[in-house]
Amino acid sequence: MDKVGELVEAFLKNKTRAEMLDFLRGILTPSEFDEIVTRLQIVKLLKKGLPHQEIARRLKVGVATVTRGSRELKMGRFKNI
């Protein structure tokens, strides 16, 4: 199995919220964890139809960060969010 496949399998082994949170906090630095939390919020706000500038202001991120999330949405990602 390749390294990405191993990572995916490691994520899938977590059966509860507590296990997943423990896994995420163990594998990510605090800043990486915060960044992922923010990216999820960006996607959720984009799906609600908020303007990029408003999302950037609310979450205190750059418009380019929001635009990246928007581009990923347009590519069909984040279907389960």
PDB file of N, CA and C in Angstrom:
ATOM      1  N   MET A   1       0.840  -1.177   0.000  1.00  0.00           N
ATOM      2  CA  MET A   1       0.000   0.000   0.000  1.00  0.00           C
ATOM      3  C   MET A   1       0.888   1.245   0.000  1.00  0.00           C
ATOM      4  N   ASP A   2       0.471   2.256  -0.734  1.00  0.00           N
ATOM      5  CA  ASP A   2       1.256   3.489  -0.785  1.00  0.00           C
ATOM      6  C   ASP A   2       1.028   4.324   0.479  1.00  0.00           C
ATOM      7  N   LYS A   3       1.820   5.367   0.641  1.00  0.00           N
ATOM      8  CA  LYS A   3       1.765   6.187   1.850  1.00  0.00           C
ATOM      9  C   LYS A   3       0.421   6.891   2.012  1.00  0.00           C
ATOM     10  N   VAL A   4      -0.143   7.376   0.919  1.00  0.00           N
ATOM     11  CA  VAL A   4      -1.450   8.040   0.992  1.00  0.00           C
ATOM     12  C   VAL A   4      -2.519   7.030   1.395  1.00  0.00           C
ATOM     13  N   GLY A   5      -2.447   5.851   0.832  1.00  0.00           N
ATOM     14  CA  GLY A   5      -3.388   4.795   1.198  1.00  0.00           C
ATOM     15  C   GLY A   5      -3.296   4.441   2.672  1.00  0.00           C
ATOM     16  N   GLU A   6      -2.079   4.403   3.195  1.00  0.00           N
ATOM     17  CA  GLU A   6      -1.888   4.130   4.619  1.00  0.00           C
ATOM     18  C   GLU A   6      -2.519   5.223   5.474  1.00  0.00           C
ATOM     19  N   LEU A   7      -2.376   6.465   5.033  1.00  0.00           N
ATOM     20  CA  LEU A   7      -2.979   7.578   5.770  1.00  0.00           C
ATOM     21  C   LEU A   7      -4.501   7.461   5.778  1.00  0.00           C
ATOM     22  N   VAL A   8      -5.072   7.171   4.630  1.00  0.00           N
ATOM     23  CA  VAL A   8      -6.526   7.013   4.532  1.00  0.00           C
ATOM     24  C   VAL A   8      -6.988   5.881   5.443  1.00  0.00           C
ATOM     25  N   GLU A   9      -6.287   4.774   5.428  1.00  0.00           N
ATOM     26  CA  GLU A   9      -6.650   3.642   6.283  1.00  0.00           C
ATOM     27  C   GLU A   9      -6.560   4.012   7.762  1.00  0.00           C
ATOM     28  N   ALA A  10      -5.549   4.797   8.118  1.00  0.00           N
ATOM     29  CA  ALA A  10      -5.412   5.223   9.512  1.00  0.00           C
ATOM     30  C   ALA A  10      -6.608   6.078   9.932  1.00  0.00           C
ATOM     31  N   PHE A  11      -7.071   6.955   9.041  1.00  0.00           N
ATOM     32  CA  PHE A  11      -8.265   7.758   9.332  1.00  0.00           C
ATOM     33  C   PHE A  11      -9.484   6.863   9.505  1.00  0.00           C
ATOM     34  N   LEU A  12      -9.628   5.893   8.633  1.00  0.00           N
ATOM     35  CA  LEU A  12     -10.815   5.034   8.646  1.00  0.00           C
ATOM     36  C   LEU A  12     -10.892   4.116   9.865  1.00  0.00           C
ATOM     37  N   LYS A  13      -9.771   3.872  10.516  1.00  0.00           N
ATOM     38  CA  LYS A  13      -9.770   3.003  11.699  1.00  0.00           C
ATOM     39  C   LYS A  13     -10.415   3.663  12.915  1.00  0.00           C
ATOM     40  N   ASN A  14     -10.554   4.975  12.892  1.00  0.00           N
ATOM     41  CA  ASN A  14     -11.152   5.696  14.016  1.00  0.00           C
ATOM     42  C   ASN A  14     -12.664   5.570  13.945  1.00  0.00           C
ATOM     43  N   LYS A  15     -13.247   4.933  14.955  1.00  0.00           N
ATOM     44  CA  LYS A  15     -14.681   4.615  14.928  1.00  0.00           C
ATOM     45  C   LYS A  15     -15.544   5.621  15.684  1.00  0.00           C
ATOM     46  N   THR A  16     -14.949   6.370  16.596  1.00  0.00           N
ATOM     47  CA  THR A  16     -15.740   7.319  17.381  1.00  0.00           C
ATOM     48  C   THR A  16     -15.180   8.726  17.222  1.00  0.00           C
ATOM     49  N   ARG A  17     -15.985   9.703  17.624  1.00  0.00           N
ATOM     50  CA  ARG A  17     -15.512  11.094  17.596  1.00  0.00           C
ATOM     51  C   ARG A  17     -14.278  11.254  18.471  1.00  0.00           C
ATOM     52  N   ALA A  18     -14.306  10.633  19.651  1.00  0.00           N
ATOM     53  CA  ALA A  18     -13.178  10.745  20.579  1.00  0.00           C
ATOM     54  C   ALA A  18     -11.908  10.154  19.972  1.00  0.00           C
ATOM     55  N   GLU A  19     -12.028   8.998  19.323  1.00  0.00           N
ATOM     56  CA  GLU A  19     -10.867   8.382  18.669  1.00  0.00           C
ATOM     57  C   GLU A  19     -10.335   9.281  17.563  1.00  0.00           C
ATOM     58  N   MET A  20     -11.237   9.838  16.759  1.00  0.00           N
ATOM     59  CA  MET A  20     -10.808  10.697  15.654  1.00  0.00           C
ATOM     60  C   MET A  20     -10.138  11.962  16.179  1.00  0.00           C
ATOM     61  N   LEU A  21     -10.720  12.572  17.198  1.00  0.00           N
ATOM     62  CA  LEU A  21     -10.126  13.774  17.766  1.00  0.00           C
ATOM     63  C   LEU A  21      -8.743  13.476  18.327  1.00  0.00           C
ATOM     64  N   ASP A  22      -8.604  12.361  19.028  1.00  0.00           N
ATOM     65  CA  ASP A  22      -7.310  11.961  19.572  1.00  0.00           C
ATOM     66  C   ASP A  22      -6.300  11.737  18.446  1.00  0.00           C
ATOM     67  N   PHE A  23      -6.737  11.068  17.384  1.00  0.00           N
ATOM     68  CA  PHE A  23      -5.870  10.820  16.234  1.00  0.00           C
ATOM     69  C   PHE A  23      -5.420  12.137  15.603  1.00  0.00           C
ATOM     70  N   LEU A  24      -6.378  13.036  15.357  1.00  0.00           N
ATOM     71  CA  LEU A  24      -6.048  14.312  14.724  1.00  0.00           C
ATOM     72  C   LEU A  24      -5.095  15.135  15.577  1.00  0.00           C
ATOM     73  N   ARG A  25      -5.356  15.183  16.875  1.00  0.00           N
ATOM     74  CA  ARG A  25      -4.486  15.967  17.764  1.00  0.00           C
ATOM     75  C   ARG A  25      -3.091  15.336  17.874  1.00  0.00           C
ATOM     76  N   GLY A  26      -3.010  14.031  17.665  1.00  0.00           N
ATOM     77  CA  GLY A  26      -1.719  13.359  17.715  1.00  0.00           C
ATOM     78  C   GLY A  26      -0.908  13.514  16.446  1.00  0.00           C
ATOM     79  N   ILE A  27      -1.590  13.538  15.308  1.00  0.00           N
ATOM     80  CA  ILE A  27      -0.885  13.558  14.026  1.00  0.00           C
ATOM     81  C   ILE A  27      -0.598  14.983  13.528  1.00  0.00           C
ATOM     82  N   LEU A  28      -1.386  15.949  14.003  1.00  0.00           N
ATOM     83  CA  LEU A  28      -1.243  17.330  13.541  1.00  0.00           C
ATOM     84  C   LEU A  28      -0.667  18.216  14.641  1.00  0.00           C
ATOM     85  N   THR A  29       0.049  19.247  14.226  1.00  0.00           N
ATOM     86  CA  THR A  29       0.453  20.270  15.185  1.00  0.00           C
ATOM     87  C   THR A  29      -0.786  21.099  15.523  1.00  0.00           C
ATOM     88  N   PRO A  30      -0.751  21.851  16.619  1.00  0.00           N
ATOM     89  CA  PRO A  30      -1.907  22.700  16.935  1.00  0.00           C
ATOM     90  C   PRO A  30      -2.269  23.672  15.805  1.00  0.00           C
ATOM     91  N   SER A  31      -1.280  24.233  15.138  1.00  0.00           N
ATOM     92  CA  SER A  31      -1.587  25.170  14.046  1.00  0.00           C
ATOM     93  C   SER A  31      -2.176  24.446  12.837  1.00  0.00           C
ATOM     94  N   GLU A  32      -1.695  23.243  12.544  1.00  0.00           N
ATOM     95  CA  GLU A  32      -2.277  22.456  11.450  1.00  0.00           C
ATOM     96  C   GLU A  32      -3.727  22.095  11.765  1.00  0.00           C
ATOM     97  N   PHE A  33      -3.982  21.722  13.011  1.00  0.00           N
ATOM     98  CA  PHE A  33      -5.337  21.384  13.437  1.00  0.00           C
ATOM     99  C   PHE A  33      -6.258  22.593  13.257  1.00  0.00           C
ATOM    100  N   ASP A  34      -5.811  23.759  13.730  1.00  0.00           N
ATOM    101  CA  ASP A  34      -6.610  24.982  13.593  1.00  0.00           C
ATOM    102  C   ASP A  34      -6.858  25.324  12.131  1.00  0.00           C
ATOM    103  N   GLU A  35      -5.857  25.111  11.289  1.00  0.00           N
ATOM    104  CA  GLU A  35      -6.000  25.404   9.862  1.00  0.00           C
ATOM    105  C   GLU A  35      -7.062  24.509   9.222  1.00  0.00           C
ATOM    106  N   ILE A  36      -7.083  23.256   9.577  1.00  0.00           N
ATOM    107  CA  ILE A  36      -8.086  22.338   9.030  1.00  0.00           C
ATOM    108  C   ILE A  36      -9.482  22.721   9.513  1.00  0.00           C
ATOM    109  N   VAL A  37      -9.585  23.099  10.783  1.00  0.00           N
ATOM    110  CA  VAL A  37     -10.871  23.550  11.318  1.00  0.00           C
ATOM    111  C   VAL A  37     -11.370  24.754  10.522  1.00  0.00           C
ATOM    112  N   THR A  38     -10.485  25.697  10.248  1.00  0.00           N
ATOM    113  CA  THR A  38     -10.856  26.893   9.484  1.00  0.00           C
ATOM    114  C   THR A  38     -11.246  26.534   8.061  1.00  0.00           C
ATOM    115  N   ARG A  39     -10.522  25.636   7.431  1.00  0.00           N
ATOM    116  CA  ARG A  39     -10.857  25.238   6.056  1.00  0.00           C
ATOM    117  C   ARG A  39     -12.249  24.632   5.975  1.00  0.00           C
ATOM    118  N   LEU A  40     -12.611  23.837   6.969  1.00  0.00           N
ATOM    119  CA  LEU A  40     -13.957  23.268   6.992  1.00  0.00           C
ATOM    120  C   LEU A  40     -15.005  24.375   7.098  1.00  0.00           C
ATOM    121  N   GLN A  41     -14.742  25.363   7.949  1.00  0.00           N
ATOM    122  CA  GLN A  41     -15.689  26.474   8.088  1.00  0.00           C
ATOM    123  C   GLN A  41     -15.807  27.261   6.787  1.00  0.00           C
ATOM    124  N   ILE A  42     -14.700  27.427   6.075  1.00  0.00           N
ATOM    125  CA  ILE A  42     -14.725  28.105   4.771  1.00  0.00           C
ATOM    126  C   ILE A  42     -15.662  27.371   3.829  1.00  0.00           C
ATOM    127  N   VAL A  43     -15.511  26.070   3.733  1.00  0.00           N
ATOM    128  CA  VAL A  43     -16.347  25.276   2.826  1.00  0.00           C
ATOM    129  C   VAL A  43     -17.817  25.387   3.210  1.00  0.00           C
ATOM    130  N   LYS A  44     -18.110  25.290   4.497  1.00  0.00           N
ATOM    131  CA  LYS A  44     -19.501  25.376   4.940  1.00  0.00           C
ATOM    132  C   LYS A  44     -20.111  26.736   4.596  1.00  0.00           C
ATOM    133  N   LEU A  45     -19.354  27.810   4.786  1.00  0.00           N
ATOM    134  CA  LEU A  45     -19.868  29.145   4.476  1.00  0.00           C
ATOM    135  C   LEU A  45     -19.999  29.359   2.972  1.00  0.00           C
ATOM    136  N   LEU A  46     -19.072  28.801   2.197  1.00  0.00           N
ATOM    137  CA  LEU A  46     -19.193  28.875   0.737  1.00  0.00           C
ATOM    138  C   LEU A  46     -20.461  28.166   0.276  1.00  0.00           C
ATOM    139  N   LYS A  47     -20.728  27.013   0.853  1.00  0.00           N
ATOM    140  CA  LYS A  47     -21.931  26.259   0.474  1.00  0.00           C
ATOM    141  C   LYS A  47     -23.208  27.005   0.845  1.00  0.00           C
ATOM    142  N   LYS A  48     -23.130  27.863   1.862  1.00  0.00           N
ATOM    143  CA  LYS A  48     -24.286  28.687   2.240  1.00  0.00           C
ATOM    144  C   LYS A  48     -24.449  29.892   1.317  1.00  0.00           C
ATOM    145  N   GLY A  49     -23.434  30.131   0.470  1.00  0.00           N
ATOM    146  CA  GLY A  49     -23.522  31.214  -0.493  1.00  0.00           C
ATOM    147  C   GLY A  49     -22.968  32.549  -0.040  1.00  0.00           C
ATOM    148  N   LEU A  50     -22.217  32.573   1.042  1.00  0.00           N
ATOM    149  CA  LEU A  50     -21.644  33.834   1.498  1.00  0.00           C
ATOM    150  C   LEU A  50     -20.553  34.301   0.539  1.00  0.00           C
ATOM    151  N   PRO A  51     -20.426  35.615   0.362  1.00  0.00           N
ATOM    152  CA  PRO A  51     -19.365  36.152  -0.502  1.00  0.00           C
ATOM    153  C   PRO A  51     -17.977  35.870   0.085  1.00  0.00           C
ATOM    154  N   HIS A  52     -17.021  35.745  -0.789  1.00  0.00           N
ATOM    155  CA  HIS A  52     -15.643  35.452  -0.376  1.00  0.00           C
ATOM    156  C   HIS A  52     -15.133  36.467   0.636  1.00  0.00           C
ATOM    157  N   GLN A  53     -15.371  37.751   0.371  1.00  0.00           N
ATOM    158  CA  GLN A  53     -14.867  38.795   1.265  1.00  0.00           C
ATOM    159  C   GLN A  53     -15.483  38.673   2.658  1.00  0.00           C
ATOM    160  N   GLU A  54     -16.756  38.325   2.729  1.00  0.00           N
ATOM    161  CA  GLU A  54     -17.427  38.168   4.023  1.00  0.00           C
ATOM    162  C   GLU A  54     -16.845  36.981   4.792  1.00  0.00           C
ATOM    163  N   ILE A  55     -16.600  35.891   4.092  1.00  0.00           N
ATOM    164  CA  ILE A  55     -16.004  34.712   4.739  1.00  0.00           C
ATOM    165  C   ILE A  55     -14.612  35.056   5.257  1.00  0.00           C
ATOM    166  N   ALA A  56     -13.825  35.725   4.433  1.00  0.00           N
ATOM    167  CA  ALA A  56     -12.469  36.115   4.834  1.00  0.00           C
ATOM    168  C   ALA A  56     -12.511  37.000   6.079  1.00  0.00           C
ATOM    169  N   ARG A  57     -13.445  37.937   6.111  1.00  0.00           N
ATOM    170  CA  ARG A  57     -13.564  38.839   7.261  1.00  0.00           C
ATOM    171  C   ARG A  57     -13.970  38.065   8.516  1.00  0.00           C
ATOM    172  N   ARG A  58     -14.983  37.220   8.387  1.00  0.00           N
ATOM    173  CA  ARG A  58     -15.484  36.466   9.546  1.00  0.00           C
ATOM    174  C   ARG A  58     -14.433  35.541  10.142  1.00  0.00           C
ATOM    175  N   LEU A  59     -13.698  34.873   9.272  1.00  0.00           N
ATOM    176  CA  LEU A  59     -12.746  33.856   9.736  1.00  0.00           C
ATOM    177  C   LEU A  59     -11.320  34.375   9.873  1.00  0.00           C
ATOM    178  N   LYS A  60     -11.135  35.656   9.521  1.00  0.00           N
ATOM    179  CA  LYS A  60      -9.806  36.277   9.617  1.00  0.00           C
ATOM    180  C   LYS A  60      -8.764  35.520   8.794  1.00  0.00           C
ATOM    181  N   VAL A  61      -9.135  35.252   7.538  1.00  0.00           N
ATOM    182  CA  VAL A  61      -8.228  34.609   6.583  1.00  0.00           C
ATOM    183  C   VAL A  61      -8.166  35.476   5.337  1.00  0.00           C
ATOM    184  N   GLY A  62      -7.220  35.188   4.471  1.00  0.00           N
ATOM    185  CA  GLY A  62      -7.115  35.920   3.223  1.00  0.00           C
ATOM    186  C   GLY A  62      -8.168  35.467   2.220  1.00  0.00           C
ATOM    187  N   VAL A  63      -8.517  36.369   1.326  1.00  0.00           N
ATOM    188  CA  VAL A  63      -9.483  36.037   0.279  1.00  0.00           C
ATOM    189  C   VAL A  63      -8.940  34.894  -0.577  1.00  0.00           C
ATOM    190  N   ALA A  64      -7.628  34.838  -0.772  1.00  0.00           N
ATOM    191  CA  ALA A  64      -7.029  33.761  -1.569  1.00  0.00           C
ATOM    192  C   ALA A  64      -7.290  32.392  -0.932  1.00  0.00           C
ATOM    193  N   THR A  65      -7.301  32.330   0.385  1.00  0.00           N
ATOM    194  CA  THR A  65      -7.594  31.073   1.081  1.00  0.00           C
ATOM    195  C   THR A  65      -9.028  30.645   0.817  1.00  0.00           C
ATOM    196  N   VAL A  66      -9.940  31.608   0.840  1.00  0.00           N
ATOM    197  CA  VAL A  66     -11.346  31.317   0.558  1.00  0.00           C
ATOM    198  C   VAL A  66     -11.504  30.894  -0.897  1.00  0.00           C
ATOM    199  N   THR A  67     -10.804  31.571  -1.787  1.00  0.00           N
ATOM    200  CA  THR A  67     -10.875  31.253  -3.210  1.00  0.00           C
ATOM    201  C   THR A  67     -10.389  29.836  -3.472  1.00  0.00           C
ATOM    202  N   ARG A  68      -9.381  29.409  -2.763  1.00  0.00           N
ATOM    203  CA  ARG A  68      -8.897  28.030  -2.922  1.00  0.00           C
ATOM    204  C   ARG A  68      -9.993  27.037  -2.556  1.00  0.00           C
ATOM    205  N   GLY A  69     -10.676  27.292  -1.452  1.00  0.00           N
ATOM    206  CA  GLY A  69     -11.788  26.426  -1.065  1.00  0.00           C
ATOM    207  C   GLY A  69     -12.888  26.421  -2.108  1.00  0.00           C
ATOM    208  N   SER A  70     -13.160  27.584  -2.674  1.00  0.00           N
ATOM    209  CA  SER A  70     -14.181  27.705  -3.714  1.00  0.00           C
ATOM    210  C   SER A  70     -13.797  26.899  -4.950  1.00  0.00           C
ATOM    211  N   ARG A  71     -12.539  26.961  -5.305  1.00  0.00           N
ATOM    212  CA  ARG A  71     -12.049  26.220  -6.471  1.00  0.00           C
ATOM    213  C   ARG A  71     -12.208  24.712  -6.256  1.00  0.00           C
ATOM    214  N   GLU A  72     -11.910  24.249  -5.054  1.00  0.00           N
ATOM    215  CA  GLU A  72     -12.065  22.824  -4.746  1.00  0.00           C
ATOM    216  C   GLU A  72     -13.536  22.415  -4.810  1.00  0.00           C
ATOM    217  N   LEU A  73     -14.421  23.275  -4.329  1.00  0.00           N
ATOM    218  CA  LEU A  73     -15.860  22.995  -4.424  1.00  0.00           C
ATOM    219  C   LEU A  73     -16.292  22.852  -5.871  1.00  0.00           C
ATOM    220  N   LYS A  74     -15.798  23.748  -6.721  1.00  0.00           N
ATOM    221  CA  LYS A  74     -16.150  23.707  -8.144  1.00  0.00           C
ATOM    222  C   LYS A  74     -15.637  22.439  -8.815  1.00  0.00           C
ATOM    223  N   MET A  75     -14.587  21.848  -8.245  1.00  0.00           N
ATOM    224  CA  MET A  75     -14.038  20.605  -8.792  1.00  0.00           C
ATOM    225  C   MET A  75     -14.828  19.391  -8.306  1.00  0.00           C
ATOM    226  N   GLY A  76     -15.843  19.639  -7.467  1.00  0.00           N
ATOM    227  CA  GLY A  76     -16.690  18.547  -7.007  1.00  0.00           C
ATOM    228  C   GLY A  76     -16.286  17.934  -5.683  1.00  0.00           C
ATOM    229  N   ARG A  77     -15.395  18.583  -4.973  1.00  0.00           N
ATOM    230  CA  ARG A  77     -14.975  18.044  -3.679  1.00  0.00           C
ATOM    231  C   ARG A  77     -15.947  18.479  -2.584  1.00  0.00           C
ATOM    232  N   PHE A  78     -15.828  17.897  -1.440  1.00  0.00           N
ATOM    233  CA  PHE A  78     -16.618  18.237  -0.247  1.00  0.00           C
ATOM    234  C   PHE A  78     -18.095  17.895  -0.402  1.00  0.00           C
ATOM    235  N   LYS A  79     -18.408  16.839  -1.095  1.00  0.00           N
ATOM    236  CA  LYS A  79     -19.811  16.436  -1.284  1.00  0.00           C
ATOM    237  C   LYS A  79     -20.482  16.049   0.032  1.00  0.00           C
ATOM    238  N   ASN A  80     -19.723  15.537   0.975  1.00  0.00           N
ATOM    239  CA  ASN A  80     -20.300  15.064   2.235  1.00  0.00           C
ATOM    240  C   ASN A  80     -20.344  16.129   3.322  1.00  0.00           C
ATOM    241  N   ILE A  81     -20.031  17.350   2.962  1.00  0.00           N
ATOM    242  CA  ILE A  81     -20.022  18.436   3.960  1.00  0.00           C
ATOM    243  C   ILE A  81     -21.233  19.312   3.743  1.00  0.00           C
TER     244      ILE A  81
END
